[in-house]
Amino acid sequence: MWQDSVDYATYVYEVTGRMPWFEKKGLCDQLQRVVGSISSNIAEGAAKPSDAEFAHFLDHSLGSAFEVETQLLISRNVNYIAQELYQDLHAKLAEIEKQLHGLINTLRNPKN
């Protein structure tokens, strides 16, 4: 999951590198910042001493993933990314979200 989110962030950085120059301090920066926080929160949470604390950081990762969804939708709506690219980015992000949900549920409900 952590590696998937690092790979995904790298992909998003490549995509934002092709966006219009005037968005470099706007939408691009926001997307880059929030996509990087997905893997960063996973890493930080993994270092915590309890499952509850780890799950808390995973909650932050999941929130960041939802924020990425919003930024990607805006990017698509203003034609900075094509529909096909949006669908690919969205599908990869949905897989990361699914992994996050699964681990959060396992940490919070270890007997299920």
PDB file of N, CA and C in Angstrom:
ATOM      1  N   MET A   1       0.833  -1.193   0.000  1.00  0.00           N
ATOM      2  CA  MET A   1       0.000   0.000   0.000  1.00  0.00           C
ATOM      3  C   MET A   1       0.877   1.256   0.000  1.00  0.00           C
ATOM      4  N   TRP A   2       1.899   1.268   0.870  1.00  0.00           N
ATOM      5  CA  TRP A   2       2.787   2.432   0.917  1.00  0.00           C
ATOM      6  C   TRP A   2       3.480   2.598  -0.433  1.00  0.00           C
ATOM      7  N   GLN A   3       4.015   1.496  -0.984  1.00  0.00           N
ATOM      8  CA  GLN A   3       4.711   1.576  -2.268  1.00  0.00           C
ATOM      9  C   GLN A   3       3.755   2.015  -3.372  1.00  0.00           C
ATOM     10  N   ASP A   4       2.531   1.498  -3.345  1.00  0.00           N
ATOM     11  CA  ASP A   4       1.541   1.909  -4.341  1.00  0.00           C
ATOM     12  C   ASP A   4       1.286   3.412  -4.267  1.00  0.00           C
ATOM     13  N   SER A   5       1.211   3.944  -3.049  1.00  0.00           N
ATOM     14  CA  SER A   5       0.941   5.375  -2.912  1.00  0.00           C
ATOM     15  C   SER A   5       2.153   6.220  -3.320  1.00  0.00           C
ATOM     16  N   VAL A   6       3.356   5.716  -3.104  1.00  0.00           N
ATOM     17  CA  VAL A   6       4.562   6.417  -3.582  1.00  0.00           C
ATOM     18  C   VAL A   6       4.581   6.419  -5.106  1.00  0.00           C
ATOM     19  N   ASP A   7       4.312   5.272  -5.713  1.00  0.00           N
ATOM     20  CA  ASP A   7       4.268   5.178  -7.180  1.00  0.00           C
ATOM     21  C   ASP A   7       3.188   6.091  -7.745  1.00  0.00           C
ATOM     22  N   TYR A   8       2.054   6.136  -7.079  1.00  0.00           N
ATOM     23  CA  TYR A   8       0.955   6.986  -7.525  1.00  0.00           C
ATOM     24  C   TYR A   8       1.343   8.460  -7.445  1.00  0.00           C
ATOM     25  N   ALA A   9       1.989   8.852  -6.358  1.00  0.00           N
ATOM     26  CA  ALA A   9       2.429  10.245  -6.219  1.00  0.00           C
ATOM     27  C   ALA A   9       3.406  10.609  -7.334  1.00  0.00           C
ATOM     28  N   THR A  10       4.290   9.697  -7.652  1.00  0.00           N
ATOM     29  CA  THR A  10       5.247   9.931  -8.742  1.00  0.00           C
ATOM     30  C   THR A  10       4.503  10.149 -10.052  1.00  0.00           C
ATOM     31  N   TYR A  11       3.503   9.341 -10.306  1.00  0.00           N
ATOM     32  CA  TYR A  11       2.679   9.458 -11.510  1.00  0.00           C
ATOM     33  C   TYR A  11       1.973  10.820 -11.551  1.00  0.00           C
ATOM     34  N   VAL A  12       1.394  11.222 -10.431  1.00  0.00           N
ATOM     35  CA  VAL A  12       0.697  12.508 -10.377  1.00  0.00           C
ATOM     36  C   VAL A  12       1.682  13.662 -10.599  1.00  0.00           C
ATOM     37  N   TYR A  13       2.876  13.556 -10.051  1.00  0.00           N
ATOM     38  CA  TYR A  13       3.900  14.581 -10.296  1.00  0.00           C
ATOM     39  C   TYR A  13       4.213  14.689 -11.787  1.00  0.00           C
ATOM     40  N   GLU A  14       4.293  13.554 -12.466  1.00  0.00           N
ATOM     41  CA  GLU A  14       4.534  13.577 -13.917  1.00  0.00           C
ATOM     42  C   GLU A  14       3.384  14.258 -14.653  1.00  0.00           C
ATOM     43  N   VAL A  15       2.168  13.965 -14.238  1.00  0.00           N
ATOM     44  CA  VAL A  15       0.985  14.570 -14.864  1.00  0.00           C
ATOM     45  C   VAL A  15       0.957  16.076 -14.614  1.00  0.00           C
ATOM     46  N   THR A  16       1.191  16.486 -13.383  1.00  0.00           N
ATOM     47  CA  THR A  16       1.146  17.923 -13.081  1.00  0.00           C
ATOM     48  C   THR A  16       2.279  18.675 -13.770  1.00  0.00           C
ATOM     49  N   GLY A  17       3.350  17.976 -14.067  1.00  0.00           N
ATOM     50  CA  GLY A  17       4.451  18.602 -14.800  1.00  0.00           C
ATOM     51  C   GLY A  17       4.062  19.021 -16.211  1.00  0.00           C
ATOM     52  N   ARG A  18       2.981  18.450 -16.715  1.00  0.00           N
ATOM     53  CA  ARG A  18       2.505  18.782 -18.062  1.00  0.00           C
ATOM     54  C   ARG A  18       1.340  19.777 -18.049  1.00  0.00           C
ATOM     55  N   MET A  19       0.940  20.223 -16.867  1.00  0.00           N
ATOM     56  CA  MET A  19      -0.161  21.190 -16.779  1.00  0.00           C
ATOM     57  C   MET A  19       0.343  22.585 -17.150  1.00  0.00           C
ATOM     58  N   PRO A  20      -0.571  23.492 -17.427  1.00  0.00           N
ATOM     59  CA  PRO A  20      -0.175  24.853 -17.826  1.00  0.00           C
ATOM     60  C   PRO A  20       0.724  25.516 -16.792  1.00  0.00           C
ATOM     61  N   TRP A  21       1.676  26.293 -17.260  1.00  0.00           N
ATOM     62  CA  TRP A  21       2.659  26.949 -16.388  1.00  0.00           C
ATOM     63  C   TRP A  21       1.996  27.810 -15.323  1.00  0.00           C
ATOM     64  N   PHE A  22       0.880  28.445 -15.679  1.00  0.00           N
ATOM     65  CA  PHE A  22       0.236  29.360 -14.731  1.00  0.00           C
ATOM     66  C   PHE A  22      -0.452  28.618 -13.587  1.00  0.00           C
ATOM     67  N   GLU A  23      -0.550  27.307 -13.656  1.00  0.00           N
ATOM     68  CA  GLU A  23      -1.132  26.513 -12.570  1.00  0.00           C
ATOM     69  C   GLU A  23      -0.067  25.956 -11.634  1.00  0.00           C
ATOM     70  N   LYS A  24       1.187  26.212 -11.908  1.00  0.00           N
ATOM     71  CA  LYS A  24       2.263  25.641 -11.089  1.00  0.00           C
ATOM     72  C   LYS A  24       2.161  26.049  -9.627  1.00  0.00           C
ATOM     73  N   LYS A  25       1.668  27.229  -9.348  1.00  0.00           N
ATOM     74  CA  LYS A  25       1.517  27.684  -7.964  1.00  0.00           C
ATOM     75  C   LYS A  25       0.083  27.539  -7.462  1.00  0.00           C
ATOM     76  N   GLY A  26      -0.758  26.888  -8.222  1.00  0.00           N
ATOM     77  CA  GLY A  26      -2.142  26.710  -7.818  1.00  0.00           C
ATOM     78  C   GLY A  26      -2.495  25.237  -7.712  1.00  0.00           C
ATOM     79  N   LEU A  27      -3.205  24.770  -8.702  1.00  0.00           N
ATOM     80  CA  LEU A  27      -3.702  23.402  -8.705  1.00  0.00           C
ATOM     81  C   LEU A  27      -2.568  22.380  -8.650  1.00  0.00           C
ATOM     82  N   CYS A  28      -1.487  22.620  -9.374  1.00  0.00           N
ATOM     83  CA  CYS A  28      -0.356  21.674  -9.376  1.00  0.00           C
ATOM     84  C   CYS A  28       0.236  21.534  -7.985  1.00  0.00           C
ATOM     85  N   ASP A  29       0.533  22.646  -7.352  1.00  0.00           N
ATOM     86  CA  ASP A  29       1.104  22.605  -6.000  1.00  0.00           C
ATOM     87  C   ASP A  29       0.175  21.880  -5.036  1.00  0.00           C
ATOM     88  N   GLN A  30      -1.098  22.182  -5.110  1.00  0.00           N
ATOM     89  CA  GLN A  30      -2.061  21.552  -4.210  1.00  0.00           C
ATOM     90  C   GLN A  30      -2.112  20.044  -4.432  1.00  0.00           C
ATOM     91  N   LEU A  31      -2.170  19.634  -5.683  1.00  0.00           N
ATOM     92  CA  LEU A  31      -2.200  18.202  -5.997  1.00  0.00           C
ATOM     93  C   LEU A  31      -0.934  17.508  -5.518  1.00  0.00           C
ATOM     94  N   GLN A  32       0.209  18.110  -5.773  1.00  0.00           N
ATOM     95  CA  GLN A  32       1.473  17.503  -5.368  1.00  0.00           C
ATOM     96  C   GLN A  32       1.571  17.395  -3.849  1.00  0.00           C
ATOM     97  N   ARG A  33       1.168  18.425  -3.167  1.00  0.00           N
ATOM     98  CA  ARG A  33       1.241  18.430  -1.703  1.00  0.00           C
ATOM     99  C   ARG A  33       0.348  17.330  -1.116  1.00  0.00           C
ATOM    100  N   VAL A  34      -0.870  17.255  -1.584  1.00  0.00           N
ATOM    101  CA  VAL A  34      -1.814  16.311  -0.982  1.00  0.00           C
ATOM    102  C   VAL A  34      -1.530  14.870  -1.410  1.00  0.00           C
ATOM    103  N   VAL A  35      -1.073  14.659  -2.631  1.00  0.00           N
ATOM    104  CA  VAL A  35      -0.787  13.283  -3.048  1.00  0.00           C
ATOM    105  C   VAL A  35       0.423  12.740  -2.293  1.00  0.00           C
ATOM    106  N   GLY A  36       1.368  13.606  -1.974  1.00  0.00           N
ATOM    107  CA  GLY A  36       2.519  13.174  -1.188  1.00  0.00           C
ATOM    108  C   GLY A  36       2.167  12.841   0.242  1.00  0.00           C
ATOM    109  N   SER A  37       1.122  13.462   0.746  1.00  0.00           N
ATOM    110  CA  SER A  37       0.743  13.214   2.142  1.00  0.00           C
ATOM    111  C   SER A  37       0.110  11.836   2.335  1.00  0.00           C
ATOM    112  N   ILE A  38      -0.369  11.215   1.266  1.00  0.00           N
ATOM    113  CA  ILE A  38      -0.949   9.875   1.399  1.00  0.00           C
ATOM    114  C   ILE A  38       0.125   8.908   1.904  1.00  0.00           C
ATOM    115  N   SER A  39       1.230   8.801   1.183  1.00  0.00           N
ATOM    116  CA  SER A  39       2.293   7.875   1.587  1.00  0.00           C
ATOM    117  C   SER A  39       3.013   8.353   2.846  1.00  0.00           C
ATOM    118  N   SER A  40       3.152   9.660   3.011  1.00  0.00           N
ATOM    119  CA  SER A  40       3.826  10.185   4.199  1.00  0.00           C
ATOM    120  C   SER A  40       3.078   9.826   5.476  1.00  0.00           C
ATOM    121  N   ASN A  41       1.758   9.919   5.457  1.00  0.00           N
ATOM    122  CA  ASN A  41       0.974   9.555   6.637  1.00  0.00           C
ATOM    123  C   ASN A  41       0.994   8.052   6.898  1.00  0.00           C
ATOM    124  N   ILE A  42       1.042   7.256   5.847  1.00  0.00           N
ATOM    125  CA  ILE A  42       1.179   5.807   6.037  1.00  0.00           C
ATOM    126  C   ILE A  42       2.499   5.515   6.742  1.00  0.00           C
ATOM    127  N   ALA A  43       3.574   6.128   6.260  1.00  0.00           N
ATOM    128  CA  ALA A  43       4.892   5.903   6.852  1.00  0.00           C
ATOM    129  C   ALA A  43       4.938   6.370   8.298  1.00  0.00           C
ATOM    130  N   GLU A  44       4.416   7.556   8.551  1.00  0.00           N
ATOM    131  CA  GLU A  44       4.436   8.078   9.912  1.00  0.00           C
ATOM    132  C   GLU A  44       3.604   7.206  10.851  1.00  0.00           C
ATOM    133  N   GLY A  45       2.446   6.796  10.389  1.00  0.00           N
ATOM    134  CA  GLY A  45       1.587   5.955  11.218  1.00  0.00           C
ATOM    135  C   GLY A  45       2.187   4.593  11.513  1.00  0.00           C
ATOM    136  N   ALA A  46       2.916   4.051  10.549  1.00  0.00           N
ATOM    137  CA  ALA A  46       3.535   2.737  10.748  1.00  0.00           C
ATOM    138  C   ALA A  46       4.559   2.761  11.881  1.00  0.00           C
ATOM    139  N   ALA A  47       5.097   3.925  12.179  1.00  0.00           N
ATOM    140  CA  ALA A  47       6.096   4.055  13.239  1.00  0.00           C
ATOM    141  C   ALA A  47       5.467   4.247  14.616  1.00  0.00           C
ATOM    142  N   LYS A  48       4.168   4.366  14.679  1.00  0.00           N
ATOM    143  CA  LYS A  48       3.498   4.594  15.963  1.00  0.00           C
ATOM    144  C   LYS A  48       3.384   3.280  16.742  1.00  0.00           C
ATOM    145  N   PRO A  49       3.351   3.375  18.063  1.00  0.00           N
ATOM    146  CA  PRO A  49       3.392   2.161  18.881  1.00  0.00           C
ATOM    147  C   PRO A  49       2.078   1.379  18.996  1.00  0.00           C
ATOM    148  N   SER A  50       0.978   1.968  18.570  1.00  0.00           N
ATOM    149  CA  SER A  50      -0.295   1.243  18.721  1.00  0.00           C
ATOM    150  C   SER A  50      -1.063   1.206  17.401  1.00  0.00           C
ATOM    151  N   ASP A  51      -1.914   0.201  17.295  1.00  0.00           N
ATOM    152  CA  ASP A  51      -2.779   0.083  16.121  1.00  0.00           C
ATOM    153  C   ASP A  51      -3.726   1.269  16.012  1.00  0.00           C
ATOM    154  N   ALA A  52      -4.189   1.758  17.163  1.00  0.00           N
ATOM    155  CA  ALA A  52      -5.111   2.895  17.158  1.00  0.00           C
ATOM    156  C   ALA A  52      -4.438   4.131  16.569  1.00  0.00           C
ATOM    157  N   GLU A  53      -3.197   4.371  16.942  1.00  0.00           N
ATOM    158  CA  GLU A  53      -2.478   5.525  16.391  1.00  0.00           C
ATOM    159  C   GLU A  53      -2.206   5.337  14.905  1.00  0.00           C
ATOM    160  N   PHE A  54      -1.835   4.133  14.509  1.00  0.00           N
ATOM    161  CA  PHE A  54      -1.594   3.845  13.098  1.00  0.00           C
ATOM    162  C   PHE A  54      -2.872   4.104  12.300  1.00  0.00           C
ATOM    163  N   ALA A  55      -4.000   3.606  12.809  1.00  0.00           N
ATOM    164  CA  ALA A  55      -5.282   3.802  12.123  1.00  0.00           C
ATOM    165  C   ALA A  55      -5.609   5.286  11.992  1.00  0.00           C
ATOM    166  N   HIS A  56      -5.258   6.059  13.005  1.00  0.00           N
ATOM    167  CA  HIS A  56      -5.499   7.507  12.958  1.00  0.00           C
ATOM    168  C   HIS A  56      -4.734   8.139  11.785  1.00  0.00           C
ATOM    169  N   PHE A  57      -3.496   7.762  11.596  1.00  0.00           N
ATOM    170  CA  PHE A  57      -2.718   8.300  10.483  1.00  0.00           C
ATOM    171  C   PHE A  57      -3.236   7.793   9.136  1.00  0.00           C
ATOM    172  N   LEU A  58      -3.725   6.561   9.130  1.00  0.00           N
ATOM    173  CA  LEU A  58      -4.332   6.048   7.899  1.00  0.00           C
ATOM    174  C   LEU A  58      -5.596   6.818   7.552  1.00  0.00           C
ATOM    175  N   ASP A  59      -6.325   7.266   8.584  1.00  0.00           N
ATOM    176  CA  ASP A  59      -7.493   8.127   8.352  1.00  0.00           C
ATOM    177  C   ASP A  59      -7.066   9.400   7.615  1.00  0.00           C
ATOM    178  N   HIS A  60      -5.928   9.961   8.021  1.00  0.00           N
ATOM    179  CA  HIS A  60      -5.410  11.157   7.359  1.00  0.00           C
ATOM    180  C   HIS A  60      -5.030  10.848   5.906  1.00  0.00           C
ATOM    181  N   SER A  61      -4.421   9.684   5.690  1.00  0.00           N
ATOM    182  CA  SER A  61      -4.082   9.279   4.319  1.00  0.00           C
ATOM    183  C   SER A  61      -5.331   9.165   3.462  1.00  0.00           C
ATOM    184  N   LEU A  62      -6.362   8.574   4.024  1.00  0.00           N
ATOM    185  CA  LEU A  62      -7.622   8.420   3.295  1.00  0.00           C
ATOM    186  C   LEU A  62      -8.245   9.773   2.989  1.00  0.00           C
ATOM    187  N   GLY A  63      -8.197  10.676   3.946  1.00  0.00           N
ATOM    188  CA  GLY A  63      -8.706  12.026   3.707  1.00  0.00           C
ATOM    189  C   GLY A  63      -7.937  12.714   2.593  1.00  0.00           C
ATOM    190  N   SER A  64      -6.631  12.533   2.574  1.00  0.00           N
ATOM    191  CA  SER A  64      -5.817  13.109   1.504  1.00  0.00           C
ATOM    192  C   SER A  64      -6.181  12.497   0.160  1.00  0.00           C
ATOM    193  N   ALA A  65      -6.437  11.205   0.146  1.00  0.00           N
ATOM    194  CA  ALA A  65      -6.838  10.544  -1.105  1.00  0.00           C
ATOM    195  C   ALA A  65      -8.139  11.136  -1.635  1.00  0.00           C
ATOM    196  N   PHE A  66      -9.086  11.396  -0.735  1.00  0.00           N
ATOM    197  CA  PHE A  66     -10.348  12.011  -1.166  1.00  0.00           C
ATOM    198  C   PHE A  66     -10.111  13.427  -1.685  1.00  0.00           C
ATOM    199  N   GLU A  67      -9.167  14.124  -1.082  1.00  0.00           N
ATOM    200  CA  GLU A  67      -8.828  15.457  -1.569  1.00  0.00           C
ATOM    201  C   GLU A  67      -8.205  15.380  -2.965  1.00  0.00           C
ATOM    202  N   VAL A  68      -7.363  14.384  -3.190  1.00  0.00           N
ATOM    203  CA  VAL A  68      -6.789  14.183  -4.527  1.00  0.00           C
ATOM    204  C   VAL A  68      -7.904  13.957  -5.537  1.00  0.00           C
ATOM    205  N   GLU A  69      -8.897  13.164  -5.168  1.00  0.00           N
ATOM    206  CA  GLU A  69     -10.043  12.932  -6.060  1.00  0.00           C
ATOM    207  C   GLU A  69     -10.664  14.250  -6.499  1.00  0.00           C
ATOM    208  N   THR A  70     -10.854  15.148  -5.558  1.00  0.00           N
ATOM    209  CA  THR A  70     -11.458  16.439  -5.861  1.00  0.00           C
ATOM    210  C   THR A  70     -10.583  17.251  -6.805  1.00  0.00           C
ATOM    211  N   GLN A  71      -9.289  17.294  -6.514  1.00  0.00           N
ATOM    212  CA  GLN A  71      -8.366  18.060  -7.358  1.00  0.00           C
ATOM    213  C   GLN A  71      -8.288  17.484  -8.771  1.00  0.00           C
ATOM    214  N   LEU A  72      -8.339  16.169  -8.887  1.00  0.00           N
ATOM    215  CA  LEU A  72      -8.329  15.543 -10.209  1.00  0.00           C
ATOM    216  C   LEU A  72      -9.604  15.863 -10.980  1.00  0.00           C
ATOM    217  N   LEU A  73     -10.723  15.854 -10.286  1.00  0.00           N
ATOM    218  CA  LEU A  73     -11.994  16.193 -10.932  1.00  0.00           C
ATOM    219  C   LEU A  73     -11.964  17.626 -11.458  1.00  0.00           C
ATOM    220  N   ILE A  74     -11.450  18.534 -10.657  1.00  0.00           N
ATOM    221  CA  ILE A  74     -11.316  19.924 -11.109  1.00  0.00           C
ATOM    222  C   ILE A  74     -10.393  19.995 -12.316  1.00  0.00           C
ATOM    223  N   SER A  75      -9.287  19.274 -12.263  1.00  0.00           N
ATOM    224  CA  SER A  75      -8.337  19.263 -13.384  1.00  0.00           C
ATOM    225  C   SER A  75      -8.998  18.766 -14.665  1.00  0.00           C
ATOM    226  N   ARG A  76      -9.816  17.747 -14.523  1.00  0.00           N
ATOM    227  CA  ARG A  76     -10.543  17.238 -15.688  1.00  0.00           C
ATOM    228  C   ARG A  76     -11.577  18.245 -16.176  1.00  0.00           C
ATOM    229  N   ASN A  77     -12.285  18.842 -15.235  1.00  0.00           N
ATOM    230  CA  ASN A  77     -13.354  19.768 -15.611  1.00  0.00           C
ATOM    231  C   ASN A  77     -12.848  21.000 -16.354  1.00  0.00           C
ATOM    232  N   VAL A  78     -11.623  21.419 -16.046  1.00  0.00           N
ATOM    233  CA  VAL A  78     -11.053  22.586 -16.738  1.00  0.00           C
ATOM    234  C   VAL A  78     -10.136  22.169 -17.887  1.00  0.00           C
ATOM    235  N   ASN A  79     -10.228  20.890 -18.243  1.00  0.00           N
ATOM    236  CA  ASN A  79      -9.506  20.329 -19.401  1.00  0.00           C
ATOM    237  C   ASN A  79      -7.984  20.378 -19.278  1.00  0.00           C
ATOM    238  N   TYR A  80      -7.472  20.260 -18.044  1.00  0.00           N
ATOM    239  CA  TYR A  80      -6.026  20.139 -17.858  1.00  0.00           C
ATOM    240  C   TYR A  80      -5.579  18.693 -18.033  1.00  0.00           C
ATOM    241  N   ILE A  81      -6.500  17.769 -17.797  1.00  0.00           N
ATOM    242  CA  ILE A  81      -6.225  16.359 -18.080  1.00  0.00           C
ATOM    243  C   ILE A  81      -7.398  15.782 -18.877  1.00  0.00           C
ATOM    244  N   ALA A  82      -7.074  14.874 -19.769  1.00  0.00           N
ATOM    245  CA  ALA A  82      -8.092  14.245 -20.611  1.00  0.00           C
ATOM    246  C   ALA A  82      -8.911  13.239 -19.796  1.00  0.00           C
ATOM    247  N   GLN A  83     -10.082  12.928 -20.291  1.00  0.00           N
ATOM    248  CA  GLN A  83     -10.984  11.988 -19.625  1.00  0.00           C
ATOM    249  C   GLN A  83     -10.305  10.636 -19.389  1.00  0.00           C
ATOM    250  N   GLU A  84      -9.585  10.136 -20.366  1.00  0.00           N
ATOM    251  CA  GLU A  84      -8.938   8.836 -20.242  1.00  0.00           C
ATOM    252  C   GLU A  84      -7.884   8.849 -19.135  1.00  0.00           C
ATOM    253  N   LEU A  85      -7.108   9.909 -19.075  1.00  0.00           N
ATOM    254  CA  LEU A  85      -6.096  10.042 -18.032  1.00  0.00           C
ATOM    255  C   LEU A  85      -6.773  10.163 -16.666  1.00  0.00           C
ATOM    256  N   TYR A  86      -7.832  10.934 -16.604  1.00  0.00           N
ATOM    257  CA  TYR A  86      -8.593  11.071 -15.355  1.00  0.00           C
ATOM    258  C   TYR A  86      -9.077   9.706 -14.883  1.00  0.00           C
ATOM    259  N   GLN A  87      -9.627   8.918 -15.790  1.00  0.00           N
ATOM    260  CA  GLN A  87     -10.149   7.602 -15.421  1.00  0.00           C
ATOM    261  C   GLN A  87      -9.034   6.689 -14.896  1.00  0.00           C
ATOM    262  N   ASP A  88      -7.867   6.753 -15.530  1.00  0.00           N
ATOM    263  CA  ASP A  88      -6.731   5.954 -15.080  1.00  0.00           C
ATOM    264  C   ASP A  88      -6.276   6.390 -13.689  1.00  0.00           C
ATOM    265  N   LEU A  89      -6.126   7.699 -13.508  1.00  0.00           N
ATOM    266  CA  LEU A  89      -5.728   8.227 -12.203  1.00  0.00           C
ATOM    267  C   LEU A  89      -6.754   7.875 -11.126  1.00  0.00           C
ATOM    268  N   HIS A  90      -8.009   7.998 -11.467  1.00  0.00           N
ATOM    269  CA  HIS A  90      -9.078   7.709 -10.513  1.00  0.00           C
ATOM    270  C   HIS A  90      -9.091   6.229 -10.143  1.00  0.00           C
ATOM    271  N   ALA A  91      -8.915   5.344 -11.109  1.00  0.00           N
ATOM    272  CA  ALA A  91      -8.917   3.902 -10.837  1.00  0.00           C
ATOM    273  C   ALA A  91      -7.754   3.509  -9.930  1.00  0.00           C
ATOM    274  N   LYS A  92      -6.580   4.047 -10.179  1.00  0.00           N
ATOM    275  CA  LYS A  92      -5.427   3.754  -9.334  1.00  0.00           C
ATOM    276  C   LYS A  92      -5.635   4.282  -7.911  1.00  0.00           C
ATOM    277  N   LEU A  93      -6.212   5.461  -7.806  1.00  0.00           N
ATOM    278  CA  LEU A  93      -6.485   6.039  -6.498  1.00  0.00           C
ATOM    279  C   LEU A  93      -7.541   5.226  -5.754  1.00  0.00           C
ATOM    280  N   ALA A  94      -8.544   4.758  -6.463  1.00  0.00           N
ATOM    281  CA  ALA A  94      -9.591   3.943  -5.834  1.00  0.00           C
ATOM    282  C   ALA A  94      -8.998   2.672  -5.234  1.00  0.00           C
ATOM    283  N   GLU A  95      -8.000   2.102  -5.876  1.00  0.00           N
ATOM    284  CA  GLU A  95      -7.346   0.904  -5.342  1.00  0.00           C
ATOM    285  C   GLU A  95      -6.598   1.233  -4.049  1.00  0.00           C
ATOM    286  N   ILE A  96      -5.924   2.354  -4.012  1.00  0.00           N
ATOM    287  CA  ILE A  96      -5.226   2.773  -2.790  1.00  0.00           C
ATOM    288  C   ILE A  96      -6.237   3.023  -1.673  1.00  0.00           C
ATOM    289  N   GLU A  97      -7.339   3.681  -1.994  1.00  0.00           N
ATOM    290  CA  GLU A  97      -8.386   3.927  -0.997  1.00  0.00           C
ATOM    291  C   GLU A  97      -8.933   2.615  -0.448  1.00  0.00           C
ATOM    292  N   LYS A  98      -9.118   1.647  -1.315  1.00  0.00           N
ATOM    293  CA  LYS A  98      -9.611   0.336  -0.897  1.00  0.00           C
ATOM    294  C   LYS A  98      -8.623  -0.323   0.066  1.00  0.00           C
ATOM    295  N   GLN A  99      -7.342  -0.238  -0.246  1.00  0.00           N
ATOM    296  CA  GLN A  99      -6.314  -0.805   0.634  1.00  0.00           C
ATOM    297  C   GLN A  99      -6.320  -0.099   1.991  1.00  0.00           C
ATOM    298  N   LEU A 100      -6.435   1.218   1.961  1.00  0.00           N
ATOM    299  CA  LEU A 100      -6.476   1.982   3.206  1.00  0.00           C
ATOM    300  C   LEU A 100      -7.683   1.578   4.055  1.00  0.00           C
ATOM    301  N   HIS A 101      -8.857   1.513   3.434  1.00  0.00           N
ATOM    302  CA  HIS A 101     -10.069   1.096   4.156  1.00  0.00           C
ATOM    303  C   HIS A 101      -9.864  -0.274   4.800  1.00  0.00           C
ATOM    304  N   GLY A 102      -9.308  -1.205   4.030  1.00  0.00           N
ATOM    305  CA  GLY A 102      -9.099  -2.557   4.534  1.00  0.00           C
ATOM    306  C   GLY A 102      -8.188  -2.591   5.741  1.00  0.00           C
ATOM    307  N   LEU A 103      -7.074  -1.876   5.671  1.00  0.00           N
ATOM    308  CA  LEU A 103      -6.141  -1.884   6.793  1.00  0.00           C
ATOM    309  C   LEU A 103      -6.724  -1.157   8.000  1.00  0.00           C
ATOM    310  N   ILE A 104      -7.410  -0.054   7.764  1.00  0.00           N
ATOM    311  CA  ILE A 104      -8.059   0.651   8.873  1.00  0.00           C
ATOM    312  C   ILE A 104      -9.047  -0.270   9.575  1.00  0.00           C
ATOM    313  N   ASN A 105      -9.857  -0.974   8.803  1.00  0.00           N
ATOM    314  CA  ASN A 105     -10.840  -1.896   9.397  1.00  0.00           C
ATOM    315  C   ASN A 105     -10.150  -3.017  10.162  1.00  0.00           C
ATOM    316  N   THR A 106      -9.066  -3.543   9.631  1.00  0.00           N
ATOM    317  CA  THR A 106      -8.327  -4.619  10.313  1.00  0.00           C
ATOM    318  C   THR A 106      -7.736  -4.111  11.624  1.00  0.00           C
ATOM    319  N   LEU A 107      -7.175  -2.917  11.612  1.00  0.00           N
ATOM    320  CA  LEU A 107      -6.571  -2.355  12.822  1.00  0.00           C
ATOM    321  C   LEU A 107      -7.602  -2.068  13.894  1.00  0.00           C
ATOM    322  N   ARG A 108      -8.769  -1.616  13.477  1.00  0.00           N
ATOM    323  CA  ARG A 108      -9.800  -1.231  14.453  1.00  0.00           C
ATOM    324  C   ARG A 108     -10.669  -2.414  14.885  1.00  0.00           C
ATOM    325  N   ASN A 109     -10.706  -3.454  14.062  1.00  0.00           N
ATOM    326  CA  ASN A 109     -11.532  -4.635  14.360  1.00  0.00           C
ATOM    327  C   ASN A 109     -10.690  -5.884  14.127  1.00  0.00           C
ATOM    328  N   PRO A 110      -9.694  -6.125  14.933  1.00  0.00           N
ATOM    329  CA  PRO A 110      -8.734  -7.214  14.662  1.00  0.00           C
ATOM    330  C   PRO A 110      -9.340  -8.608  14.671  1.00  0.00           C
ATOM    331  N   LYS A 111     -10.491  -8.807  15.255  1.00  0.00           N
ATOM    332  CA  LYS A 111     -11.086 -10.143  15.340  1.00  0.00           C
ATOM    333  C   LYS A 111     -11.992 -10.464  14.169  1.00  0.00           C
ATOM    334  N   ASN A 112     -12.236  -9.482  13.294  1.00  0.00           N
ATOM    335  CA  ASN A 112     -13.149  -9.711  12.149  1.00  0.00           C
ATOM    336  C   ASN A 112     -12.406 -10.296  10.995  1.00  0.00           C
TER     337      ASN A 112
END
